[in-house]
N, C-alpha and C. Protein backbone atom coordinates (compact mmCIF):
# COMPACT_ATOMS: atom_id res chain seq x y z
N MET A 1 120.69 97.50 112.84
CA MET A 1 119.39 97.33 113.48
C MET A 1 119.50 97.73 114.94
N LYS A 2 118.53 98.46 115.40
CA LYS A 2 118.41 98.84 116.81
C LYS A 2 117.28 98.05 117.43
N ARG A 3 117.48 97.61 118.67
CA ARG A 3 116.45 96.82 119.35
C ARG A 3 116.43 97.22 120.82
N ILE A 4 115.22 97.43 121.34
CA ILE A 4 115.02 97.70 122.76
C ILE A 4 113.81 96.90 123.24
N THR A 5 113.69 96.80 124.54
CA THR A 5 112.52 96.16 125.13
C THR A 5 111.66 97.23 125.77
N VAL A 6 110.37 97.18 125.50
CA VAL A 6 109.41 98.11 126.10
C VAL A 6 108.34 97.30 126.81
N ILE A 7 107.64 97.94 127.72
CA ILE A 7 106.57 97.28 128.47
C ILE A 7 105.28 98.05 128.23
N ILE A 8 104.20 97.32 127.99
CA ILE A 8 102.89 97.94 127.73
C ILE A 8 102.42 98.64 129.01
N PRO A 9 102.26 99.98 128.99
CA PRO A 9 101.86 100.70 130.19
C PRO A 9 100.35 100.94 130.30
N TRP A 10 99.60 100.64 129.24
CA TRP A 10 98.19 101.01 129.21
C TRP A 10 97.32 99.97 129.90
N ARG A 11 96.43 100.44 130.73
CA ARG A 11 95.53 99.58 131.51
C ARG A 11 94.76 98.60 130.63
N GLU A 12 94.34 99.06 129.47
CA GLU A 12 93.57 98.22 128.54
C GLU A 12 94.47 97.42 127.61
N GLY A 13 95.78 97.49 127.78
CA GLY A 13 96.70 96.80 126.90
C GLY A 13 96.93 97.59 125.63
N LEU A 14 97.47 96.92 124.64
CA LEU A 14 97.76 97.57 123.37
C LEU A 14 96.51 97.52 122.50
N HIS A 15 95.60 98.45 122.77
CA HIS A 15 94.31 98.50 122.08
C HIS A 15 94.37 99.50 120.93
N LEU A 16 93.23 99.84 120.34
CA LEU A 16 93.19 100.64 119.12
C LEU A 16 93.80 102.04 119.25
N ARG A 17 93.53 102.73 120.32
CA ARG A 17 94.06 104.11 120.42
C ARG A 17 95.58 104.15 120.43
N PRO A 18 96.25 103.41 121.33
CA PRO A 18 97.71 103.46 121.26
C PRO A 18 98.26 102.85 119.98
N ALA A 19 97.59 101.85 119.43
CA ALA A 19 98.02 101.26 118.17
C ALA A 19 97.97 102.31 117.05
N ALA A 20 96.91 103.10 117.03
CA ALA A 20 96.79 104.15 116.01
C ALA A 20 97.89 105.20 116.17
N ARG A 21 98.23 105.53 117.42
CA ARG A 21 99.33 106.48 117.65
C ARG A 21 100.66 105.91 117.14
N LEU A 22 100.88 104.62 117.35
CA LEU A 22 102.12 103.99 116.88
C LEU A 22 102.18 103.99 115.35
N VAL A 23 101.06 103.70 114.70
CA VAL A 23 101.02 103.71 113.23
C VAL A 23 101.33 105.11 112.71
N LYS A 24 100.67 106.10 113.27
CA LYS A 24 100.88 107.47 112.82
C LYS A 24 102.33 107.90 113.03
N LEU A 25 102.90 107.55 114.17
CA LEU A 25 104.29 107.91 114.46
C LEU A 25 105.25 107.19 113.52
N SER A 26 105.03 105.92 113.27
CA SER A 26 105.95 105.15 112.43
C SER A 26 105.97 105.65 110.99
N GLN A 27 104.90 106.29 110.56
CA GLN A 27 104.84 106.81 109.19
C GLN A 27 105.76 108.01 108.99
N ARG A 28 106.28 108.57 110.06
CA ARG A 28 107.22 109.69 109.96
C ARG A 28 108.64 109.24 109.62
N PHE A 29 108.90 107.95 109.69
CA PHE A 29 110.25 107.44 109.51
C PHE A 29 110.36 106.55 108.28
N ARG A 30 111.56 106.53 107.71
CA ARG A 30 111.83 105.65 106.57
C ARG A 30 112.18 104.25 107.03
N SER A 31 112.64 104.10 108.24
CA SER A 31 113.05 102.80 108.77
C SER A 31 111.87 101.86 108.90
N SER A 32 112.18 100.58 108.81
CA SER A 32 111.20 99.53 109.09
C SER A 32 111.17 99.35 110.60
N ILE A 33 109.98 99.39 111.20
CA ILE A 33 109.84 99.28 112.65
C ILE A 33 108.89 98.13 112.94
N ARG A 34 109.31 97.22 113.83
CA ARG A 34 108.50 96.06 114.15
C ARG A 34 108.37 95.90 115.66
N LEU A 35 107.25 95.33 116.07
CA LEU A 35 107.03 94.91 117.45
C LEU A 35 107.04 93.39 117.48
N VAL A 36 107.77 92.82 118.42
CA VAL A 36 107.83 91.37 118.56
C VAL A 36 107.31 91.01 119.94
N CYS A 37 106.30 90.15 119.96
CA CYS A 37 105.68 89.70 121.21
C CYS A 37 105.60 88.18 121.16
N GLY A 38 106.55 87.52 121.82
CA GLY A 38 106.60 86.06 121.73
C GLY A 38 106.84 85.64 120.30
N ALA A 39 105.93 84.84 119.75
CA ALA A 39 106.05 84.39 118.36
C ALA A 39 105.41 85.38 117.38
N GLY A 40 104.70 86.38 117.91
CA GLY A 40 104.01 87.35 117.06
C GLY A 40 104.90 88.51 116.66
N ILE A 41 104.81 88.91 115.40
CA ILE A 41 105.57 90.04 114.89
C ILE A 41 104.60 90.96 114.16
N ALA A 42 104.70 92.27 114.44
CA ALA A 42 103.82 93.23 113.78
C ALA A 42 104.62 94.40 113.23
N ASP A 43 104.35 94.75 112.00
CA ASP A 43 104.89 95.97 111.41
C ASP A 43 104.12 97.13 112.03
N THR A 44 104.81 98.14 112.49
CA THR A 44 104.11 99.24 113.17
C THR A 44 103.33 100.13 112.21
N ARG A 45 103.36 99.85 110.94
CA ARG A 45 102.51 100.58 109.99
C ARG A 45 101.17 99.88 109.78
N SER A 46 100.98 98.75 110.48
CA SER A 46 99.74 97.98 110.35
C SER A 46 98.98 97.95 111.67
N ILE A 47 97.88 98.68 111.74
CA ILE A 47 97.10 98.73 112.98
C ILE A 47 96.56 97.35 113.33
N PHE A 48 96.16 96.59 112.32
CA PHE A 48 95.63 95.25 112.58
C PHE A 48 96.72 94.32 113.11
N GLY A 49 97.92 94.44 112.57
CA GLY A 49 99.03 93.64 113.05
C GLY A 49 99.36 93.93 114.50
N ILE A 50 99.33 95.20 114.87
CA ILE A 50 99.64 95.60 116.25
C ILE A 50 98.59 95.07 117.20
N VAL A 51 97.33 95.29 116.88
CA VAL A 51 96.24 94.85 117.76
C VAL A 51 96.21 93.32 117.86
N ALA A 52 96.57 92.63 116.77
CA ALA A 52 96.56 91.17 116.76
C ALA A 52 97.59 90.56 117.71
N LEU A 53 98.55 91.36 118.18
CA LEU A 53 99.51 90.86 119.16
C LEU A 53 98.84 90.53 120.49
N CYS A 54 97.68 91.15 120.74
CA CYS A 54 96.91 90.92 121.98
C CYS A 54 97.78 91.13 123.22
N ALA A 55 98.55 92.20 123.23
CA ALA A 55 99.47 92.48 124.33
C ALA A 55 98.75 93.21 125.46
N ALA A 56 98.72 92.59 126.62
CA ALA A 56 98.07 93.16 127.80
C ALA A 56 99.03 94.07 128.55
N MET A 57 98.49 94.84 129.48
CA MET A 57 99.32 95.70 130.32
C MET A 57 100.40 94.87 130.99
N GLY A 58 101.63 95.38 130.98
CA GLY A 58 102.75 94.70 131.61
C GLY A 58 103.50 93.74 130.70
N THR A 59 102.98 93.50 129.50
CA THR A 59 103.64 92.62 128.54
C THR A 59 104.91 93.28 128.01
N GLN A 60 105.98 92.50 127.92
CA GLN A 60 107.22 92.99 127.34
C GLN A 60 107.22 92.74 125.84
N LEU A 61 107.60 93.77 125.09
CA LEU A 61 107.71 93.67 123.64
C LEU A 61 109.11 94.08 123.23
N ASP A 62 109.63 93.45 122.19
CA ASP A 62 110.87 93.92 121.58
C ASP A 62 110.49 94.87 120.47
N LEU A 63 111.11 96.03 120.48
CA LEU A 63 110.88 97.05 119.46
C LEU A 63 112.14 97.10 118.61
N GLU A 64 111.99 96.84 117.31
CA GLU A 64 113.13 96.78 116.40
C GLU A 64 112.96 97.82 115.30
N ALA A 65 114.05 98.51 115.00
CA ALA A 65 114.04 99.47 113.90
C ALA A 65 115.26 99.20 113.02
N ASN A 66 115.06 99.25 111.72
CA ASN A 66 116.14 98.99 110.78
C ASN A 66 116.01 99.96 109.62
N GLY A 67 117.04 100.79 109.43
CA GLY A 67 117.01 101.73 108.31
C GLY A 67 117.86 102.96 108.59
N ASP A 68 117.76 103.93 107.70
CA ASP A 68 118.58 105.14 107.77
C ASP A 68 118.37 105.94 109.05
N ASP A 69 117.14 106.03 109.50
CA ASP A 69 116.82 106.85 110.68
C ASP A 69 116.39 105.98 111.86
N GLU A 70 116.99 104.79 111.99
CA GLU A 70 116.58 103.84 113.02
C GLU A 70 116.76 104.38 114.44
N GLN A 71 117.81 105.16 114.69
CA GLN A 71 118.03 105.68 116.03
C GLN A 71 116.91 106.64 116.44
N GLU A 72 116.55 107.54 115.54
CA GLU A 72 115.48 108.49 115.82
C GLU A 72 114.14 107.76 115.95
N ALA A 73 113.93 106.77 115.10
CA ALA A 73 112.68 106.01 115.13
C ALA A 73 112.53 105.26 116.45
N ILE A 74 113.58 104.62 116.90
CA ILE A 74 113.50 103.83 118.13
C ILE A 74 113.27 104.73 119.34
N GLN A 75 113.90 105.90 119.33
CA GLN A 75 113.71 106.84 120.44
C GLN A 75 112.29 107.37 120.49
N ALA A 76 111.74 107.72 119.33
CA ALA A 76 110.38 108.25 119.28
C ALA A 76 109.36 107.19 119.69
N MET A 77 109.56 105.97 119.21
CA MET A 77 108.63 104.88 119.55
C MET A 77 108.74 104.54 121.04
N GLU A 78 109.96 104.55 121.58
CA GLU A 78 110.14 104.26 123.00
C GLU A 78 109.39 105.28 123.86
N ALA A 79 109.41 106.53 123.44
CA ALA A 79 108.71 107.58 124.18
C ALA A 79 107.21 107.33 124.24
N GLU A 80 106.63 106.70 123.21
CA GLU A 80 105.20 106.38 123.22
C GLU A 80 104.85 105.37 124.30
N PHE A 81 105.81 104.55 124.69
CA PHE A 81 105.57 103.53 125.71
C PHE A 81 105.87 104.02 127.12
N ALA A 82 106.32 105.26 127.26
CA ALA A 82 106.58 105.83 128.58
C ALA A 82 105.25 105.95 129.32
N PRO A 83 105.15 105.38 130.50
CA PRO A 83 103.87 105.39 131.21
C PRO A 83 103.46 106.80 131.63
N LEU A 84 102.20 107.06 131.46
CA LEU A 84 101.60 108.30 131.93
C LEU A 84 100.78 107.97 133.16
N GLN A 85 100.77 108.83 134.15
CA GLN A 85 100.04 108.53 135.39
C GLN A 85 98.59 108.21 135.15
N SER A 86 97.96 108.88 134.20
CA SER A 86 96.53 108.65 133.98
C SER A 86 96.26 107.32 133.30
N ASP A 87 97.28 106.72 132.66
CA ASP A 87 97.10 105.48 131.95
C ASP A 87 97.47 104.24 132.75
N VAL A 88 98.18 104.40 133.84
CA VAL A 88 98.73 103.27 134.56
C VAL A 88 98.02 103.08 135.90
N ILE A 89 97.74 101.85 136.23
CA ILE A 89 97.16 101.55 137.54
C ILE A 89 98.25 101.66 138.59
N SER A 90 97.98 102.34 139.67
CA SER A 90 98.97 102.50 140.74
C SER A 90 99.07 101.27 141.60
């Protein structure tokens, strides 16, 4: 299992658009990928699970991948959380 910590970079938090991108990206991998936010756990193939985490900008999440392609999965998912200037408040 691979695990990293990511921080929500989006001004609106982890809302539908980034959640949909995470779902679409996770479908490319065979590994099981989960987001952990406090006591909440979401499978990244479930848009409702991701949004239900109610993660605001700046929230730390643990990103876990387990499976054959876990290294590639964790790297790709981590890249989705890389802040973009247009998405982050200065």
